[in-house]
């Protein structure tokens, strides 16, 4: 390299300082410090670190990278190198020193020789008071001359001052609070905060809720079969005895015909045996068995006939028919006892609440509930807990939850099927407990206290 020029690069240095002053955020400052500084001093890579309360040394920016993986092996190795250099050569004022392999201990070099270039400059960053706040690591394939060292020192002073200014601005509110209040005012503020934290508040929890029918009547399949036709629309009011749906009776109709033929055959055999019973003792003994078979076939035929008559399902009482979609059920095979729809009284509704285990609070029957529906977020409905679960179940979405049931307090009844959020209120607790309940629970899970 040529001999250092004491006036060389002054314009670049002034332009770089102007760039640092115009940064509008600390992140932009860090980016400019490791990238725009290349116009002042030629290097291959620049790394900037700042002090961290937990890790001591934390890498903030690397030239050429927008985002940095702070837990990568190279970043962790650099943090160990910077910590070692600070322990041995750290000081208050800005320092620029060249780092070579003999300056590092063996455990830092073992297996990482390729990460340490031949020429490295380590520049300490300090505040105007002389406190070390970070460092700048510069690497190159060519040696740094005296002029490069001088520019690196100027560069470190400019970056250190700007970094200190942003840290000072971030903590400025603390200084204003400390300098703007007298001792009596601080004591009064602390007393007011203490009183505020012991104010009693209602312990509450939020949970998804849905308006469900109270004492619904399930409509189930009386036999295995195929849904032939849905005779009502979803949420349609129906009267008692009104047909709701019809199952296909083809298979059952064939079974009735077979059972009827079997009954006729058994009756014919019984008639033949009765004619021979006067002269044949064997036919007289067979007559009792045939009478039992006739009764069996007649009972089977009667059962199938009754079952066939129930393939058209009617409403046991007045209400509304609740189900998803008629087209989804038409032609679908169902099993005996499978729920097809629900019949509910629209004037009698309840609230079903799924309380997540993490939000569980101590609840009693009669606890107050405020229901806020998604369809009417500005209004609420009062309710009271009438049933609580002592173990978790699964919601339709497959999430574990304590299933609660609440009775609406009266007044206007919301439409069945509407969903919203329920605010469940428990007993009174201090405000400090209300604010710290979840953080304390998370801390207890993490450390086991």
Protein backbone atom coordinates (compact mmCIF):
# COMPACT_ATOMS: atom_id res chain seq x y z
CA UNK A 1 0.00 0.00 0.00
CA UNK A 2 1.07 3.64 -0.47
CA UNK A 3 2.03 5.93 2.40
CA UNK A 4 -0.86 7.30 4.41
CA UNK A 5 -2.25 10.65 3.41
CA UNK A 6 -3.30 12.65 6.50
CA UNK A 7 -5.90 14.56 4.52
CA UNK A 8 -7.09 11.70 2.32
CA UNK A 9 -10.68 10.59 2.69
CA UNK A 10 -11.82 13.67 4.70
CA UNK A 11 -14.77 14.20 2.37
CA UNK A 12 -15.76 10.54 2.66
CA UNK A 13 -15.58 10.73 6.45
CA UNK A 14 -17.74 13.85 6.60
CA UNK A 15 -20.28 12.31 4.22
CA UNK A 16 -20.38 9.15 6.36
CA UNK A 17 -20.97 11.19 9.54
CA UNK A 18 -23.78 13.05 7.78
CA UNK A 19 -25.32 9.68 6.83
CA UNK A 20 -25.19 8.51 10.46
CA UNK A 21 -26.88 11.71 11.69
CA UNK A 22 -29.71 11.28 9.18
CA UNK A 23 -30.59 7.76 10.29
CA UNK A 24 -34.21 7.61 11.49
CA UNK A 25 -33.94 4.45 13.58
CA UNK A 26 -31.36 2.43 15.47
CA UNK A 27 -31.70 -0.42 12.99
CA UNK A 28 -30.95 1.93 10.10
CA UNK A 29 -27.94 3.26 12.01
CA UNK A 30 -26.52 -0.24 12.49
CA UNK A 31 -27.04 -1.05 8.81
CA UNK A 32 -25.26 2.12 7.69
CA UNK A 33 -22.42 1.57 10.16
CA UNK A 34 -21.38 -1.75 8.59
CA UNK A 35 -22.28 -1.06 4.94
CA UNK A 36 -21.84 2.66 4.16
CA UNK A 37 -18.52 2.71 6.02
CA UNK A 38 -16.99 0.85 3.07
CA UNK A 39 -16.67 4.23 1.32
CA UNK A 40 -14.37 5.40 4.14
CA UNK A 41 -12.27 2.27 4.71
CA UNK A 42 -11.79 -0.66 2.37
CA UNK A 43 -12.60 -4.00 4.01
CA UNK A 44 -14.12 -7.36 3.15
CA UNK A 45 -16.52 -7.70 6.07
CA UNK A 46 -17.68 -5.57 8.99
CA UNK A 47 -19.38 -6.85 12.14
CA UNK A 48 -20.82 -4.61 14.85
CA UNK A 49 -21.70 -5.75 18.38
CA UNK A 50 -23.32 -3.94 21.29
CA UNK A 51 -23.63 -4.69 24.99
CA UNK A 52 -26.48 -6.99 26.06
CA UNK A 53 -27.76 -7.42 29.62
CA UNK A 54 -28.09 -11.22 29.28
CA UNK A 55 -25.35 -12.28 26.86
CA UNK A 56 -22.84 -9.47 27.51
CA UNK A 57 -21.86 -9.33 23.84
CA UNK A 58 -24.54 -9.48 21.15
CA UNK A 59 -23.90 -9.10 17.43
CA UNK A 60 -26.19 -6.42 15.98
CA UNK A 61 -25.23 -6.14 12.29
CA UNK A 62 -23.06 -7.76 9.62
CA UNK A 63 -22.19 -6.11 6.32
CA UNK A 64 -24.07 -7.48 3.35
CA UNK A 65 -26.81 -9.06 5.46
CA UNK A 66 -30.27 -7.60 6.10
CA UNK A 67 -31.13 -10.15 8.81
CA UNK A 68 -28.71 -11.98 11.07
CA UNK A 69 -29.07 -15.41 12.67
CA UNK A 70 -27.79 -14.56 16.15
CA UNK A 71 -27.70 -18.26 17.11
CA UNK A 72 -25.64 -19.42 14.14
CA UNK A 73 -22.23 -21.03 14.79
CA UNK A 74 -20.28 -18.17 13.17
CA UNK A 75 -22.14 -15.51 15.17
CA UNK A 76 -21.67 -17.42 18.43
CA UNK A 77 -17.94 -17.84 17.69
CA UNK A 78 -17.55 -14.13 17.00
CA UNK A 79 -19.29 -13.29 20.28
CA UNK A 80 -16.79 -15.46 22.14
CA UNK A 81 -13.90 -13.74 20.32
CA UNK A 82 -15.22 -10.26 21.15
CA UNK A 83 -15.77 -11.23 24.79
CA UNK A 84 -12.17 -12.46 24.99
CA UNK A 85 -10.79 -9.28 23.43
CA UNK A 86 -12.84 -7.15 25.81
CA UNK A 87 -11.61 -9.09 28.82
CA UNK A 88 -7.97 -8.67 27.81
CA UNK A 89 -7.86 -5.29 26.06
CA UNK A 90 -11.22 -3.64 26.76
CA UNK A 91 -11.13 -0.05 27.90
CA UNK A 92 -13.17 3.07 28.10
CA UNK A 93 -11.75 5.06 25.18
CA UNK A 94 -11.99 4.06 21.57
CA UNK A 95 -9.19 1.65 20.68
CA UNK A 96 -8.09 0.22 17.36
CA UNK A 97 -5.88 -2.85 17.38
CA UNK A 98 -4.97 -5.50 14.89
CA UNK A 99 -5.90 -9.07 15.86
CA UNK A 100 -3.89 -12.09 14.76
CA UNK A 101 -4.14 -15.81 15.51
CA UNK A 102 -1.61 -15.69 18.42
CA UNK A 103 -3.84 -13.13 20.16
CA UNK A 104 -6.61 -15.71 20.61
CA UNK A 105 -6.59 -18.76 22.91
CA UNK A 106 -6.32 -22.26 21.51
CA UNK A 107 -9.94 -23.20 22.30
CA UNK A 108 -11.21 -20.36 20.10
CA UNK A 109 -9.05 -21.36 17.14
CA UNK A 110 -9.47 -25.12 17.29
CA UNK A 111 -11.68 -26.11 14.34
CA UNK A 112 -12.34 -22.47 13.35
CA UNK A 113 -9.07 -21.39 11.74
CA UNK A 114 -10.83 -20.60 8.44
CA UNK A 115 -13.11 -18.08 10.20
CA UNK A 116 -10.16 -15.86 11.22
CA UNK A 117 -8.83 -13.90 8.20
CA UNK A 118 -5.19 -12.90 7.97
CA UNK A 119 -5.84 -9.20 8.66
CA UNK A 120 -8.40 -8.09 11.27
CA UNK A 121 -8.98 -4.74 12.94
CA UNK A 122 -10.92 -4.56 16.20
CA UNK A 123 -12.30 -1.10 16.98
CA UNK A 124 -13.86 -0.40 20.35
CA UNK A 125 -16.97 1.82 20.46
CA UNK A 126 -17.27 4.14 23.44
CA UNK A 127 -19.66 6.79 24.71
CA UNK A 128 -18.53 10.41 25.30
CA UNK A 129 -18.09 9.49 28.99
CA UNK A 130 -15.59 6.80 27.98
CA UNK A 131 -17.85 3.78 28.67
CA UNK A 132 -17.47 0.87 26.27
CA UNK A 133 -20.81 0.24 24.50
CA UNK A 134 -19.78 -1.99 21.61
CA UNK A 135 -17.20 -2.87 19.03
CA UNK A 136 -16.54 -2.93 15.29
CA UNK A 137 -14.75 -5.89 13.65
CA UNK A 138 -13.17 -5.29 10.21
CA UNK A 139 -11.51 -7.98 8.09
CA UNK A 140 -9.56 -7.78 4.82
CA UNK A 141 -7.24 -9.84 2.66
CA UNK A 142 -4.70 -7.01 2.51
CA UNK A 143 -2.92 -5.45 5.44
CA UNK A 144 -4.21 -2.25 7.03
CA UNK A 145 -1.67 0.62 6.85
CA UNK A 146 -1.36 3.59 9.19
CA UNK A 147 -3.82 5.64 7.17
CA UNK A 148 -6.37 2.86 7.36
CA UNK A 149 -5.88 2.68 11.13
CA UNK A 150 -6.46 6.43 11.44
CA UNK A 151 -9.63 6.27 9.35
CA UNK A 152 -10.79 3.23 11.35
CA UNK A 153 -10.36 5.17 14.61
CA UNK A 154 -12.34 8.13 13.21
CA UNK A 155 -14.94 5.70 11.94
CA UNK A 156 -15.25 4.04 15.37
CA UNK A 157 -15.64 7.39 17.13
CA UNK A 158 -18.43 8.46 14.77
CA UNK A 159 -20.29 5.14 15.06
CA UNK A 160 -19.83 4.97 18.84
CA UNK A 161 -21.20 8.49 19.33
CA UNK A 162 -24.24 7.81 17.12
CA UNK A 163 -24.93 4.50 18.85
CA UNK A 164 -24.69 6.19 22.26
CA UNK A 165 -27.05 8.94 21.09
CA UNK A 166 -29.72 6.43 20.08
CA UNK A 167 -29.37 4.53 23.37
CA UNK A 168 -29.58 7.80 25.27
CA UNK A 169 -32.69 8.82 23.34
CA UNK A 170 -34.32 5.46 24.09
CA UNK A 171 -33.72 5.88 27.82
CA UNK A 172 -34.50 9.59 27.85
CA UNK A 173 -37.92 9.10 29.44
CA UNK A 174 -36.26 7.53 32.48
CA UNK A 175 -33.98 10.53 32.92
CA UNK A 176 -36.92 12.90 32.55
CA UNK A 177 -38.87 10.97 35.14
CA UNK A 178 -35.90 10.87 37.51
CA UNK A 179 -35.11 14.58 37.07
CA UNK A 180 -38.67 15.87 36.86
CA UNK A 181 -40.10 14.53 40.14
CA UNK A 182 -39.23 15.52 43.66
CA UNK A 183 -38.69 12.99 46.40
CA UNK A 184 -42.14 13.72 47.87
CA UNK A 185 -43.76 13.35 44.45
CA UNK A 186 -42.01 10.01 43.91
CA UNK A 187 -43.23 8.78 47.30
CA UNK A 188 -46.78 9.90 46.52
CA UNK A 189 -46.63 8.18 43.12
CA UNK A 190 -45.36 4.96 44.71
CA UNK A 191 -48.12 5.09 47.37
CA UNK A 192 -50.76 5.70 44.69
CA UNK A 193 -49.43 2.76 42.66
CA UNK A 194 -49.51 0.51 45.74
CA UNK A 195 -53.12 1.49 46.49
CA UNK A 196 -54.03 1.02 42.86
CA UNK A 197 -52.58 -2.51 42.82
CA UNK A 198 -54.68 -3.64 45.81
CA UNK A 199 -57.97 -2.38 44.40
CA UNK A 200 -60.48 -5.25 44.18
CA UNK A 201 -61.55 -6.33 40.68
CA UNK A 202 -63.64 -9.20 39.39
CA UNK A 203 -61.59 -12.14 38.16
CA UNK A 204 -62.87 -13.01 34.71
CA UNK A 205 -62.08 -15.09 31.65
CA UNK A 206 -63.09 -14.91 28.00
CA UNK A 207 -64.19 -17.99 26.07
CA UNK A 208 -65.96 -18.76 22.77
CA UNK A 209 -69.67 -19.35 23.21
CA UNK A 210 -72.67 -20.45 21.15
CA UNK A 211 -76.42 -20.14 21.61
CA UNK A 212 -77.80 -23.68 21.80
CA UNK A 213 -81.32 -25.05 22.37
CA UNK A 214 -82.40 -25.85 25.90
CA UNK A 215 -83.72 -29.42 26.26
CA UNK A 216 -83.50 -30.27 22.55
CA UNK A 217 -85.16 -33.37 21.10
CA UNK A 218 -82.80 -35.44 18.93
CA UNK A 219 -84.29 -36.92 15.75
CA UNK A 220 -82.49 -40.21 15.08
CA UNK A 221 -82.70 -42.94 12.46
CA UNK A 222 -85.10 -45.74 13.56
CA UNK A 223 -83.28 -48.32 11.38
CA UNK A 224 -80.39 -48.75 9.01
CA UNK A 225 -81.25 -47.26 5.66
CA UNK A 226 -80.78 -44.46 3.17
CA UNK A 227 -82.26 -40.98 3.49
CA UNK A 228 -84.72 -40.65 0.63
CA UNK A 229 -86.05 -37.15 1.17
CA UNK A 230 -85.82 -34.28 3.66
CA UNK A 231 -89.30 -32.79 3.98
CA UNK A 232 -88.37 -29.57 5.82
CA UNK A 233 -85.80 -26.80 5.44
CA UNK A 234 -83.08 -25.97 7.98
CA UNK A 235 -84.40 -23.85 10.89
CA UNK A 236 -87.96 -24.22 9.60
CA UNK A 237 -90.74 -24.07 12.23
CA UNK A 238 -92.65 -27.34 12.36
CA UNK A 239 -95.83 -28.48 14.12
CA UNK A 240 -96.29 -31.60 16.22
CA UNK A 241 -96.81 -34.64 13.99
CA UNK A 242 -95.51 -32.94 10.85
CA UNK A 243 -93.35 -35.24 8.64
CA UNK A 244 -89.67 -34.33 8.80
CA UNK A 245 -87.91 -36.84 6.57
CA UNK A 246 -88.44 -40.11 4.74
CA UNK A 247 -86.06 -43.08 4.68
CA UNK A 248 -85.91 -45.39 1.67
CA UNK A 249 -88.11 -48.46 2.46
CA UNK A 250 -86.97 -50.68 -0.42
CA UNK A 251 -84.94 -53.08 1.70
CA UNK A 252 -87.47 -53.09 4.53
CA UNK A 253 -90.35 -53.62 2.09
CA UNK A 254 -88.60 -56.70 0.72
CA UNK A 255 -88.00 -58.00 4.22
CA UNK A 256 -91.73 -57.56 4.98
CA UNK A 257 -92.64 -59.51 1.84
CA UNK A 258 -90.24 -62.33 2.75
CA UNK A 259 -91.54 -62.44 6.32
CA UNK A 260 -95.14 -62.55 5.07
CA UNK A 261 -94.35 -65.47 2.73
CA UNK A 262 -92.56 -67.29 5.57
CA UNK A 263 -95.63 -66.81 7.78
CA UNK A 264 -97.92 -68.19 5.06
CA UNK A 265 -95.67 -71.26 4.63
CA UNK A 266 -95.58 -71.96 8.36
CA UNK A 267 -99.34 -71.55 8.60
CA UNK A 268 -99.80 -74.02 5.72
CA UNK A 269 -97.52 -76.53 7.46
CA UNK A 270 -99.47 -76.03 10.66
CA UNK A 271 -102.76 -76.59 8.83
CA UNK A 272 -101.41 -79.79 7.27
CA UNK A 273 -100.20 -81.06 10.65
CA UNK A 274 -103.56 -80.22 12.25
CA UNK A 275 -105.38 -82.30 9.57
CA UNK A 276 -103.16 -85.33 10.33
CA UNK A 277 -103.27 -84.91 14.11
CA UNK A 278 -106.51 -86.95 14.41
CA UNK A 279 -104.84 -90.10 13.08
CA UNK A 280 -101.10 -89.49 13.41
CA UNK A 281 -99.47 -89.05 16.83
CA UNK A 282 -96.29 -87.65 15.26
CA UNK A 283 -98.26 -84.85 13.59
CA UNK A 284 -99.99 -84.13 16.90
CA UNK A 285 -96.57 -83.66 18.57
CA UNK A 286 -95.35 -81.49 15.70
CA UNK A 287 -98.39 -79.23 16.01
CA UNK A 288 -97.12 -77.47 19.16
CA UNK A 289 -93.77 -76.67 17.49
CA UNK A 290 -95.53 -75.29 14.42
CA UNK A 291 -97.76 -73.11 16.60
CA UNK A 292 -94.60 -71.58 18.12
CA UNK A 293 -93.12 -71.00 14.65
CA UNK A 294 -96.36 -69.33 13.48
CA UNK A 295 -96.24 -66.99 16.51
CA UNK A 296 -92.56 -66.23 15.82
CA UNK A 297 -93.14 -65.41 12.16
CA UNK A 298 -96.18 -63.28 13.02
CA UNK A 299 -94.19 -61.31 15.61
CA UNK A 300 -91.35 -60.76 13.12
CA UNK A 301 -93.82 -59.58 10.48
CA UNK A 302 -95.47 -57.22 12.96
CA UNK A 303 -92.06 -55.81 13.98
CA UNK A 304 -91.05 -55.19 10.37
CA UNK A 305 -94.40 -53.59 9.62
CA UNK A 306 -94.07 -51.25 12.61
CA UNK A 307 -90.49 -50.43 11.61
CA UNK A 308 -91.60 -49.67 8.07
CA UNK A 309 -94.31 -47.34 9.32
CA UNK A 310 -91.66 -45.39 11.23
CA UNK A 311 -89.46 -44.77 8.20
CA UNK A 312 -91.34 -41.53 7.76
CA UNK A 313 -90.16 -39.58 10.82
CA UNK A 314 -92.55 -37.00 12.25
CA UNK A 315 -92.00 -34.21 14.75
CA UNK A 316 -92.80 -35.32 18.33
CA UNK A 317 -93.54 -31.71 19.29
CA UNK A 318 -93.60 -28.20 17.83
CA UNK A 319 -90.31 -26.35 17.33
CA UNK A 320 -87.69 -25.64 14.71
CA UNK A 321 -85.72 -28.28 12.79
CA UNK A 322 -82.00 -27.74 13.25
CA UNK A 323 -79.63 -29.42 10.77
CA UNK A 324 -76.97 -28.37 8.29
CA UNK A 325 -78.12 -28.92 4.71
CA UNK A 326 -80.82 -31.06 3.13
CA UNK A 327 -78.69 -31.86 0.07
CA UNK A 328 -75.94 -33.34 2.24
CA UNK A 329 -78.37 -35.85 3.81
CA UNK A 330 -80.25 -36.86 0.69
CA UNK A 331 -79.06 -40.32 -0.46
CA UNK A 332 -76.78 -40.78 2.55
CA UNK A 333 -76.66 -44.16 4.32
CA UNK A 334 -77.43 -43.92 8.04
CA UNK A 335 -77.29 -46.36 10.92
CA UNK A 336 -79.78 -47.05 13.66
CA UNK A 337 -79.61 -44.32 16.29
CA UNK A 338 -77.63 -41.87 14.13
CA UNK A 339 -78.72 -38.27 14.76
CA UNK A 340 -80.25 -36.69 11.69
CA UNK A 341 -81.46 -33.37 13.08
CA UNK A 342 -82.50 -31.69 16.31
CA UNK A 343 -85.90 -30.31 17.23
CA UNK A 344 -85.75 -27.28 19.53
CA UNK A 345 -88.05 -24.68 21.04
CA UNK A 346 -86.82 -21.27 19.72
CA UNK A 347 -88.12 -19.50 22.83
CA UNK A 348 -85.95 -21.63 25.14
CA UNK A 349 -82.23 -21.18 24.51
CA UNK A 350 -79.07 -21.66 26.56
CA UNK A 351 -75.40 -20.76 26.16
CA UNK A 352 -72.69 -23.37 25.58
CA UNK A 353 -69.20 -22.14 26.59
CA UNK A 354 -65.85 -23.78 25.80
CA UNK A 355 -63.35 -22.51 28.39
CA UNK A 356 -59.71 -23.23 27.51
CA UNK A 357 -57.68 -24.94 30.27
CA UNK A 358 -55.17 -22.06 30.34
CA UNK A 359 -57.98 -19.59 31.09
CA UNK A 360 -59.73 -21.74 33.70
CA UNK A 361 -60.78 -19.93 36.87
CA UNK A 362 -62.69 -21.07 39.91
CA UNK A 363 -66.36 -21.14 38.93
CA UNK A 364 -69.49 -22.00 40.84
CA UNK A 365 -73.04 -22.62 39.72
CA UNK A 366 -74.67 -19.22 39.45
CA UNK A 367 -71.56 -17.33 38.30
CA UNK A 368 -72.37 -14.36 36.09
CA UNK A 369 -71.82 -14.46 32.34
CA UNK A 370 -71.93 -11.67 29.76
CA UNK A 371 -72.56 -12.91 26.22
CA UNK A 372 -71.36 -10.77 23.31
CA UNK A 373 -72.56 -12.10 19.95
CA UNK A 374 -70.56 -11.64 16.77
CA UNK A 375 -73.75 -10.53 15.01
CA UNK A 376 -74.38 -7.76 17.61
CA UNK A 377 -71.06 -6.76 19.24
CA UNK A 378 -72.47 -3.59 20.83
CA UNK A 379 -75.11 -5.41 22.89
CA UNK A 380 -74.81 -8.12 25.52
CA UNK A 381 -76.98 -10.79 27.13
CA UNK A 382 -76.88 -11.73 30.81
CA UNK A 383 -76.66 -15.38 31.80
CA UNK A 384 -75.73 -17.55 34.77
CA UNK A 385 -73.71 -20.76 34.93
CA UNK A 386 -75.95 -23.79 35.55
CA UNK A 387 -73.51 -26.59 34.73
CA UNK A 388 -69.72 -26.91 34.96
CA UNK A 389 -67.39 -29.67 33.82
CA UNK A 390 -64.77 -31.12 36.13
CA UNK A 391 -62.68 -32.52 33.30
CA UNK A 392 -61.86 -31.31 29.83
CA UNK A 393 -63.56 -32.46 26.67
CA UNK A 394 -62.96 -31.81 22.99
CA UNK A 395 -64.60 -29.01 21.05
CA UNK A 396 -65.82 -29.60 17.46
CA UNK A 397 -62.46 -28.15 16.35
CA UNK A 398 -60.63 -30.82 18.38
CA UNK A 399 -59.30 -28.47 21.08
CA UNK A 400 -59.47 -29.41 24.79
CA UNK A 401 -61.81 -27.24 26.84
CA UNK A 402 -64.02 -27.21 29.92
CA UNK A 403 -67.58 -27.28 28.60
CA UNK A 404 -69.88 -24.95 30.55
CA UNK A 405 -73.59 -24.30 30.21
CA UNK A 406 -75.33 -21.08 31.13
CA UNK A 407 -79.00 -20.11 31.37
CA UNK A 408 -80.09 -16.80 29.86
CA UNK A 409 -81.40 -14.40 32.45
CA UNK A 410 -84.52 -13.45 30.49
CA UNK A 411 -85.61 -10.73 28.13
CA UNK A 412 -84.97 -11.10 24.42
CA UNK A 413 -83.81 -14.57 23.43
CA UNK A 414 -81.07 -14.64 20.78
CA UNK A 415 -81.43 -16.90 17.78
CA UNK A 416 -80.18 -20.45 18.23
CA UNK A 417 -76.90 -21.05 16.42
CA UNK A 418 -75.38 -17.58 16.88
CA UNK A 419 -71.80 -17.52 18.12
CA UNK A 420 -69.82 -15.01 20.11
CA UNK A 421 -67.66 -14.49 23.19
CA UNK A 422 -68.64 -15.07 26.80
CA UNK A 423 -67.10 -13.11 29.67
CA UNK A 424 -67.26 -15.30 32.77
CA UNK A 425 -66.91 -13.54 36.13
CA UNK A 426 -65.70 -15.19 39.33
CA UNK A 427 -64.85 -13.75 42.75
CA UNK A 428 -63.09 -10.51 43.68
CA UNK A 429 -59.26 -10.39 43.69
CA UNK A 430 -56.63 -7.63 44.01
CA UNK A 431 -55.68 -5.91 40.77
CA UNK A 432 -52.07 -7.07 41.20
CA UNK A 433 -53.20 -10.72 41.21
CA UNK A 434 -55.39 -10.10 38.15
CA UNK A 435 -52.43 -8.64 36.23
CA UNK A 436 -49.81 -11.17 37.37
CA UNK A 437 -51.88 -14.37 37.32
CA UNK A 438 -50.87 -15.50 33.84
CA UNK A 439 -47.21 -14.36 34.04
CA UNK A 440 -46.83 -16.19 37.38
CA UNK A 441 -48.40 -19.31 35.89
CA UNK A 442 -46.00 -19.19 32.94
CA UNK A 443 -43.06 -18.70 35.31
CA UNK A 444 -44.18 -21.63 37.42
CA UNK A 445 -44.37 -23.84 34.36
CA UNK A 446 -40.93 -22.75 33.21
CA UNK A 447 -38.98 -23.07 36.49
CA UNK A 448 -41.25 -25.36 38.53
CA UNK A 449 -41.73 -23.04 41.48
